[in-house]
Amino acid sequence: MVGNRAVSRLVQRYAIYRGGPNTLNNYTPRPRKEGQNDDVTGPKKGLSTFESFAAATLRASKAQIIETDNLGGELTAVRNGVGPQDTHVSILPTNDGNDEKLFAWAAAKMGDKTDHAYSRAVRAARTGEQAK
């Protein structure tokens, strides 16, 4: 803990859950759009995943299981939940101090036409699927 905020911790050799289907679109963060939530700003920026299956499936009927060791060197999984009940983990581009890589990744989100190297890397790190 630093001041009143939790210090982010890297996740290593751990299964995390991404709610939703096994699609490249689901493995791509939401870009910034006026009046909408996005995945490129705030303390939990990046592709949202969870250490808890229950948290990942609050709004989804299934979750993709991702092994953090399989993400490779281009992506990093960071625990950034606040408190013991918040199991949020962000998947972020490695060495992206100004968020340029994150913004470029999010800009690739286009439904069925989504295709980005980071989205493919997340899908490659997938080890399975779990339904409610």
N, C-alpha and C. Protein backbone atom coordinates (compact mmCIF):
# COMPACT_ATOMS: atom_id res chain seq x y z
N MET A 1 0.84 -1.17 0.00
CA MET A 1 0.00 0.00 0.00
C MET A 1 0.89 1.24 0.00
N VAL A 2 0.63 2.16 -0.91
CA VAL A 2 1.34 3.43 -0.96
C VAL A 2 0.30 4.52 -0.72
N GLY A 3 0.46 5.27 0.37
CA GLY A 3 -0.58 6.25 0.70
C GLY A 3 -1.89 5.52 0.93
N ASN A 4 -2.91 5.89 0.19
CA ASN A 4 -4.19 5.20 0.33
C ASN A 4 -4.56 4.41 -0.92
N ARG A 5 -3.56 4.09 -1.75
CA ARG A 5 -3.86 3.31 -2.95
C ARG A 5 -3.01 2.04 -2.99
N ALA A 6 -3.57 1.00 -3.57
CA ALA A 6 -2.86 -0.27 -3.67
C ALA A 6 -1.78 -0.19 -4.73
N VAL A 7 -0.67 -0.85 -4.48
CA VAL A 7 0.41 -0.92 -5.45
C VAL A 7 0.11 -2.07 -6.40
N SER A 8 0.23 -1.82 -7.71
CA SER A 8 -0.01 -2.87 -8.70
C SER A 8 1.03 -3.97 -8.55
N ARG A 9 0.59 -5.19 -8.79
CA ARG A 9 1.49 -6.33 -8.70
C ARG A 9 1.39 -7.14 -9.97
N LEU A 10 2.53 -7.53 -10.52
CA LEU A 10 2.52 -8.38 -11.70
C LEU A 10 1.97 -9.75 -11.34
N VAL A 11 1.24 -10.35 -12.26
CA VAL A 11 0.71 -11.68 -12.07
C VAL A 11 1.59 -12.63 -12.87
N GLN A 12 2.13 -13.64 -12.20
CA GLN A 12 2.96 -14.60 -12.89
C GLN A 12 2.44 -16.01 -12.62
N ARG A 13 2.44 -16.83 -13.66
CA ARG A 13 2.02 -18.24 -13.56
C ARG A 13 0.67 -18.37 -12.87
N TYR A 14 -0.31 -17.74 -13.45
CA TYR A 14 -1.62 -17.70 -12.82
C TYR A 14 -2.70 -17.71 -13.89
N ALA A 15 -3.78 -18.43 -13.62
CA ALA A 15 -4.93 -18.41 -14.53
C ALA A 15 -5.81 -17.23 -14.18
N ILE A 16 -6.21 -16.48 -15.20
CA ILE A 16 -7.15 -15.37 -15.04
C ILE A 16 -8.32 -15.60 -15.98
N TYR A 17 -9.42 -14.90 -15.76
CA TYR A 17 -10.65 -15.13 -16.51
C TYR A 17 -11.08 -13.86 -17.22
N ARG A 18 -11.46 -14.03 -18.49
CA ARG A 18 -12.02 -12.94 -19.29
C ARG A 18 -13.44 -13.33 -19.65
N GLY A 19 -14.41 -12.59 -19.13
CA GLY A 19 -15.81 -12.89 -19.42
C GLY A 19 -16.11 -12.70 -20.90
N GLY A 20 -16.91 -13.61 -21.47
CA GLY A 20 -17.32 -13.48 -22.86
C GLY A 20 -16.80 -14.59 -23.75
N PRO A 21 -17.03 -14.44 -25.07
CA PRO A 21 -16.68 -15.50 -26.02
C PRO A 21 -15.20 -15.49 -26.43
N ASN A 22 -14.81 -16.55 -27.09
CA ASN A 22 -13.44 -16.71 -27.59
C ASN A 22 -13.33 -16.03 -28.96
N THR A 23 -13.33 -14.68 -28.96
CA THR A 23 -13.21 -13.91 -30.20
C THR A 23 -12.13 -12.84 -30.04
N LEU A 24 -11.54 -12.43 -31.14
CA LEU A 24 -10.54 -11.37 -31.08
C LEU A 24 -11.15 -10.07 -30.56
N ASN A 25 -12.41 -9.83 -30.89
CA ASN A 25 -13.09 -8.63 -30.39
C ASN A 25 -13.14 -8.63 -28.86
N ASN A 26 -13.41 -9.78 -28.26
CA ASN A 26 -13.46 -9.89 -26.79
C ASN A 26 -12.08 -9.72 -26.16
N TYR A 27 -11.03 -9.99 -26.92
CA TYR A 27 -9.66 -9.86 -26.41
C TYR A 27 -9.04 -8.51 -26.75
N THR A 28 -9.89 -7.53 -27.05
CA THR A 28 -9.42 -6.19 -27.41
C THR A 28 -10.08 -5.17 -26.49
N PRO A 29 -9.29 -4.28 -25.86
CA PRO A 29 -9.88 -3.26 -24.98
C PRO A 29 -10.81 -2.32 -25.73
N ARG A 30 -11.75 -1.73 -25.01
CA ARG A 30 -12.67 -0.76 -25.62
C ARG A 30 -11.96 0.58 -25.80
N PRO A 31 -12.08 1.18 -26.98
CA PRO A 31 -11.47 2.50 -27.21
C PRO A 31 -12.29 3.60 -26.53
N ARG A 32 -11.69 4.75 -26.42
CA ARG A 32 -12.38 5.91 -25.83
C ARG A 32 -13.43 6.42 -26.81
N LYS A 33 -14.67 6.57 -26.31
CA LYS A 33 -15.76 7.14 -27.10
C LYS A 33 -16.54 8.07 -26.19
N GLU A 34 -16.96 9.17 -26.72
CA GLU A 34 -17.68 10.18 -25.94
C GLU A 34 -18.87 9.57 -25.21
N GLY A 35 -18.93 9.78 -23.91
CA GLY A 35 -20.07 9.35 -23.12
C GLY A 35 -20.14 7.86 -22.81
N GLN A 36 -19.08 7.10 -23.12
CA GLN A 36 -19.09 5.67 -22.88
C GLN A 36 -17.90 5.27 -22.02
N ASN A 37 -18.03 4.15 -21.33
CA ASN A 37 -16.90 3.60 -20.60
C ASN A 37 -15.85 3.13 -21.61
N ASP A 38 -14.59 3.17 -21.19
CA ASP A 38 -13.53 2.69 -22.07
C ASP A 38 -12.51 1.92 -21.24
N ASP A 39 -11.55 1.33 -21.91
CA ASP A 39 -10.51 0.54 -21.26
C ASP A 39 -9.14 1.17 -21.41
N VAL A 40 -9.06 2.43 -21.81
CA VAL A 40 -7.77 3.07 -22.05
C VAL A 40 -7.46 4.19 -21.06
N THR A 41 -8.35 4.43 -20.10
CA THR A 41 -8.10 5.46 -19.09
C THR A 41 -8.42 4.90 -17.71
N GLY A 42 -7.92 5.56 -16.71
CA GLY A 42 -8.25 5.20 -15.33
C GLY A 42 -7.30 4.18 -14.73
N PRO A 43 -7.49 3.90 -13.45
CA PRO A 43 -6.57 3.02 -12.73
C PRO A 43 -6.66 1.56 -13.15
N LYS A 44 -7.73 1.17 -13.84
CA LYS A 44 -7.88 -0.22 -14.28
C LYS A 44 -7.86 -0.32 -15.80
N LYS A 45 -7.07 0.55 -16.45
CA LYS A 45 -7.00 0.54 -17.91
C LYS A 45 -6.37 -0.76 -18.39
N GLY A 46 -6.65 -1.09 -19.64
CA GLY A 46 -6.16 -2.33 -20.23
C GLY A 46 -7.31 -3.29 -20.45
N LEU A 47 -6.98 -4.49 -20.88
CA LEU A 47 -8.00 -5.52 -21.08
C LEU A 47 -8.36 -6.09 -19.72
N SER A 48 -9.61 -5.95 -19.32
CA SER A 48 -10.04 -6.38 -18.00
C SER A 48 -10.20 -7.89 -17.91
N THR A 49 -9.56 -8.46 -16.92
CA THR A 49 -9.71 -9.87 -16.58
C THR A 49 -9.82 -9.93 -15.06
N PHE A 50 -10.05 -11.14 -14.55
CA PHE A 50 -10.23 -11.31 -13.11
C PHE A 50 -9.59 -12.59 -12.64
N GLU A 51 -9.15 -12.59 -11.40
CA GLU A 51 -8.65 -13.82 -10.78
C GLU A 51 -9.82 -14.72 -10.40
N SER A 52 -11.01 -14.16 -10.30
CA SER A 52 -12.21 -14.87 -9.88
C SER A 52 -13.13 -15.13 -11.08
N PHE A 53 -13.52 -16.39 -11.25
CA PHE A 53 -14.48 -16.75 -12.30
C PHE A 53 -15.80 -16.02 -12.08
N ALA A 54 -16.25 -15.95 -10.82
CA ALA A 54 -17.52 -15.29 -10.51
C ALA A 54 -17.50 -13.82 -10.92
N ALA A 55 -16.40 -13.13 -10.68
CA ALA A 55 -16.31 -11.71 -11.07
C ALA A 55 -16.30 -11.57 -12.59
N ALA A 56 -15.64 -12.48 -13.28
CA ALA A 56 -15.56 -12.41 -14.75
C ALA A 56 -16.91 -12.66 -15.40
N THR A 57 -17.78 -13.38 -14.73
CA THR A 57 -19.06 -13.75 -15.33
C THR A 57 -20.25 -13.01 -14.72
N LEU A 58 -19.99 -11.86 -14.11
CA LEU A 58 -21.12 -11.06 -13.60
C LEU A 58 -22.06 -10.65 -14.72
N ARG A 59 -21.50 -10.35 -15.90
CA ARG A 59 -22.31 -9.91 -17.05
C ARG A 59 -22.13 -10.83 -18.26
N ALA A 60 -21.61 -12.03 -18.03
CA ALA A 60 -21.38 -12.97 -19.14
C ALA A 60 -21.75 -14.38 -18.67
N SER A 61 -22.12 -15.24 -19.61
CA SER A 61 -22.50 -16.61 -19.25
C SER A 61 -21.32 -17.56 -19.25
N LYS A 62 -20.18 -17.07 -19.74
CA LYS A 62 -18.98 -17.92 -19.75
C LYS A 62 -17.75 -17.03 -19.68
N ALA A 63 -16.62 -17.68 -19.41
CA ALA A 63 -15.36 -16.94 -19.33
C ALA A 63 -14.26 -17.75 -20.01
N GLN A 64 -13.34 -17.02 -20.60
CA GLN A 64 -12.16 -17.63 -21.20
C GLN A 64 -11.06 -17.68 -20.14
N ILE A 65 -10.37 -18.80 -20.06
CA ILE A 65 -9.30 -18.96 -19.08
C ILE A 65 -7.99 -18.64 -19.78
N ILE A 66 -7.24 -17.71 -19.22
CA ILE A 66 -5.99 -17.24 -19.81
C ILE A 66 -4.86 -17.51 -18.84
N GLU A 67 -3.82 -18.15 -19.29
CA GLU A 67 -2.64 -18.41 -18.46
C GLU A 67 -1.67 -17.26 -18.66
N THR A 68 -1.39 -16.54 -17.59
CA THR A 68 -0.56 -15.33 -17.71
C THR A 68 0.84 -15.63 -18.25
N ASP A 69 1.40 -16.79 -17.94
CA ASP A 69 2.73 -17.14 -18.46
C ASP A 69 2.73 -17.23 -19.98
N ASN A 70 1.58 -17.50 -20.57
CA ASN A 70 1.48 -17.67 -22.02
C ASN A 70 1.33 -16.35 -22.78
N LEU A 71 1.25 -15.23 -22.08
CA LEU A 71 1.05 -13.93 -22.74
C LEU A 71 2.27 -13.49 -23.54
N GLY A 72 3.43 -13.97 -23.21
CA GLY A 72 4.64 -13.58 -23.93
C GLY A 72 5.16 -12.24 -23.42
N GLY A 73 6.23 -11.77 -24.02
CA GLY A 73 6.90 -10.56 -23.55
C GLY A 73 6.23 -9.25 -23.92
N GLU A 74 5.32 -9.28 -24.88
CA GLU A 74 4.68 -8.04 -25.33
C GLU A 74 3.56 -7.57 -24.41
N LEU A 75 3.01 -8.48 -23.60
CA LEU A 75 1.90 -8.15 -22.72
C LEU A 75 2.23 -8.52 -21.28
N THR A 76 1.64 -7.76 -20.35
CA THR A 76 1.86 -7.97 -18.94
C THR A 76 0.51 -7.98 -18.23
N ALA A 77 0.34 -8.90 -17.28
CA ALA A 77 -0.86 -8.94 -16.46
C ALA A 77 -0.55 -8.30 -15.11
N VAL A 78 -1.36 -7.31 -14.72
CA VAL A 78 -1.12 -6.54 -13.50
C VAL A 78 -2.35 -6.59 -12.61
N ARG A 79 -2.17 -7.06 -11.38
CA ARG A 79 -3.26 -7.01 -10.39
C ARG A 79 -3.47 -5.56 -9.99
N ASN A 80 -4.67 -5.06 -10.15
CA ASN A 80 -4.95 -3.69 -9.76
C ASN A 80 -6.31 -3.53 -9.10
N GLY A 81 -6.81 -4.61 -8.56
CA GLY A 81 -8.04 -4.54 -7.78
C GLY A 81 -7.80 -3.77 -6.49
N VAL A 82 -8.85 -3.18 -5.98
CA VAL A 82 -8.76 -2.40 -4.74
C VAL A 82 -9.46 -3.20 -3.65
N GLY A 83 -8.71 -3.76 -2.74
CA GLY A 83 -9.28 -4.54 -1.66
C GLY A 83 -9.33 -6.02 -1.99
N PRO A 84 -9.54 -6.85 -0.98
CA PRO A 84 -9.49 -8.30 -1.15
C PRO A 84 -10.61 -8.88 -2.02
N GLN A 85 -11.74 -8.21 -2.11
CA GLN A 85 -12.85 -8.72 -2.92
C GLN A 85 -12.76 -8.31 -4.39
N ASP A 86 -11.89 -7.38 -4.71
CA ASP A 86 -11.73 -6.89 -6.08
C ASP A 86 -10.57 -7.64 -6.73
N THR A 87 -10.90 -8.60 -7.59
CA THR A 87 -9.88 -9.48 -8.19
C THR A 87 -9.48 -9.02 -9.59
N HIS A 88 -9.66 -7.74 -9.90
CA HIS A 88 -9.38 -7.21 -11.23
C HIS A 88 -7.90 -7.34 -11.59
N VAL A 89 -7.66 -7.77 -12.83
CA VAL A 89 -6.31 -7.86 -13.39
C VAL A 89 -6.37 -7.25 -14.79
N SER A 90 -5.49 -6.28 -15.05
CA SER A 90 -5.42 -5.68 -16.38
C SER A 90 -4.33 -6.34 -17.20
N ILE A 91 -4.64 -6.61 -18.46
CA ILE A 91 -3.61 -7.03 -19.41
C ILE A 91 -3.23 -5.78 -20.19
N LEU A 92 -1.94 -5.45 -20.13
CA LEU A 92 -1.43 -4.21 -20.73
C LEU A 92 -0.21 -4.49 -21.60
N PRO A 93 0.02 -3.66 -22.62
CA PRO A 93 1.27 -3.77 -23.37
C PRO A 93 2.46 -3.48 -22.44
N THR A 94 3.51 -4.23 -22.61
CA THR A 94 4.72 -4.06 -21.81
C THR A 94 5.46 -2.80 -22.26
N ASN A 95 6.08 -2.12 -21.32
CA ASN A 95 6.88 -0.91 -21.61
C ASN A 95 6.10 0.11 -22.43
N ASP A 96 4.96 0.53 -21.91
CA ASP A 96 4.09 1.47 -22.62
C ASP A 96 3.77 2.65 -21.71
N GLY A 97 4.81 3.38 -21.30
CA GLY A 97 4.66 4.46 -20.35
C GLY A 97 3.69 5.55 -20.76
N ASN A 98 3.56 5.83 -22.04
CA ASN A 98 2.65 6.89 -22.50
C ASN A 98 1.34 6.34 -23.07
N ASP A 99 1.13 5.04 -22.95
CA ASP A 99 -0.10 4.36 -23.38
C ASP A 99 -0.33 4.36 -24.89
N GLU A 100 0.68 4.68 -25.68
CA GLU A 100 0.52 4.65 -27.14
C GLU A 100 0.12 3.27 -27.64
N LYS A 101 0.78 2.24 -27.14
CA LYS A 101 0.47 0.87 -27.58
C LYS A 101 -0.94 0.48 -27.17
N LEU A 102 -1.35 0.87 -25.97
CA LEU A 102 -2.70 0.56 -25.50
C LEU A 102 -3.75 1.24 -26.37
N PHE A 103 -3.55 2.52 -26.69
CA PHE A 103 -4.50 3.23 -27.56
C PHE A 103 -4.57 2.59 -28.95
N ALA A 104 -3.43 2.19 -29.50
CA ALA A 104 -3.42 1.54 -30.82
C ALA A 104 -4.16 0.21 -30.77
N TRP A 105 -3.95 -0.54 -29.71
CA TRP A 105 -4.63 -1.83 -29.55
C TRP A 105 -6.14 -1.62 -29.48
N ALA A 106 -6.59 -0.69 -28.65
CA ALA A 106 -8.02 -0.42 -28.50
C ALA A 106 -8.64 0.09 -29.81
N ALA A 107 -7.87 0.85 -30.57
CA ALA A 107 -8.38 1.39 -31.84
C ALA A 107 -8.67 0.29 -32.86
N ALA A 108 -8.12 -0.90 -32.64
CA ALA A 108 -8.35 -2.01 -33.57
C ALA A 108 -9.68 -2.72 -33.32
N LYS A 109 -10.40 -2.35 -32.28
CA LYS A 109 -11.66 -3.02 -31.94
C LYS A 109 -12.74 -2.64 -32.95
N MET A 110 -13.13 -3.60 -33.79
CA MET A 110 -14.12 -3.34 -34.84
C MET A 110 -15.04 -4.54 -35.04
N GLY A 111 -15.55 -5.10 -33.96
CA GLY A 111 -16.48 -6.23 -34.07
C GLY A 111 -15.82 -7.43 -34.73
N ASP A 112 -16.49 -8.01 -35.72
CA ASP A 112 -15.99 -9.20 -36.39
C ASP A 112 -14.69 -8.96 -37.16
N LYS A 113 -14.38 -7.70 -37.43
CA LYS A 113 -13.18 -7.37 -38.21
C LYS A 113 -11.97 -7.06 -37.33
N THR A 114 -12.13 -7.20 -36.01
CA THR A 114 -11.04 -6.92 -35.08
C THR A 114 -9.87 -7.85 -35.36
N ASP A 115 -8.68 -7.27 -35.50
CA ASP A 115 -7.47 -8.07 -35.67
C ASP A 115 -6.27 -7.24 -35.22
N HIS A 116 -5.65 -7.65 -34.14
CA HIS A 116 -4.46 -6.97 -33.63
C HIS A 116 -3.54 -8.03 -33.03
N ALA A 117 -2.25 -7.81 -33.12
CA ALA A 117 -1.28 -8.77 -32.60
C ALA A 117 -1.48 -9.05 -31.12
N TYR A 118 -1.82 -8.03 -30.34
CA TYR A 118 -2.03 -8.24 -28.90
C TYR A 118 -3.28 -9.08 -28.65
N SER A 119 -4.34 -8.85 -29.42
CA SER A 119 -5.56 -9.66 -29.28
C SER A 119 -5.27 -11.11 -29.62
N ARG A 120 -4.48 -11.32 -30.67
CA ARG A 120 -4.10 -12.69 -31.04
C ARG A 120 -3.23 -13.33 -29.95
N ALA A 121 -2.38 -12.53 -29.32
CA ALA A 121 -1.52 -13.05 -28.23
C ALA A 121 -2.37 -13.47 -27.02
N VAL A 122 -3.39 -12.69 -26.71
CA VAL A 122 -4.27 -13.06 -25.60
C VAL A 122 -5.00 -14.36 -25.94
N ARG A 123 -5.50 -14.46 -27.18
CA ARG A 123 -6.19 -15.69 -27.57
C ARG A 123 -5.25 -16.89 -27.53
N ALA A 124 -4.00 -16.69 -27.92
CA ALA A 124 -3.01 -17.77 -27.88
C ALA A 124 -2.70 -18.20 -26.44
N ALA A 125 -2.87 -17.28 -25.48
CA ALA A 125 -2.62 -17.59 -24.07
C ALA A 125 -3.81 -18.30 -23.42
N ARG A 126 -4.91 -18.39 -24.14
CA ARG A 126 -6.13 -19.03 -23.63
C ARG A 126 -5.90 -20.53 -23.48
N THR A 127 -6.34 -21.07 -22.35
CA THR A 127 -6.18 -22.50 -22.11
C THR A 127 -7.51 -23.23 -22.05
N GLY A 128 -8.62 -22.49 -22.06
CA GLY A 128 -9.92 -23.14 -22.02
C GLY A 128 -11.05 -22.15 -21.80
N GLU A 129 -12.22 -22.71 -21.60
CA GLU A 129 -13.44 -21.92 -21.39
C GLU A 129 -14.24 -22.56 -20.26
N GLN A 130 -14.87 -21.73 -19.45
CA GLN A 130 -15.71 -22.23 -18.37
C GLN A 130 -17.05 -21.53 -18.44
N ALA A 131 -18.13 -22.32 -18.41
CA ALA A 131 -19.49 -21.76 -18.44
C ALA A 131 -20.07 -21.76 -17.04
N LYS A 132 -21.06 -20.87 -16.82
CA LYS A 132 -21.75 -20.80 -15.52
C LYS A 132 -22.51 -22.10 -15.27
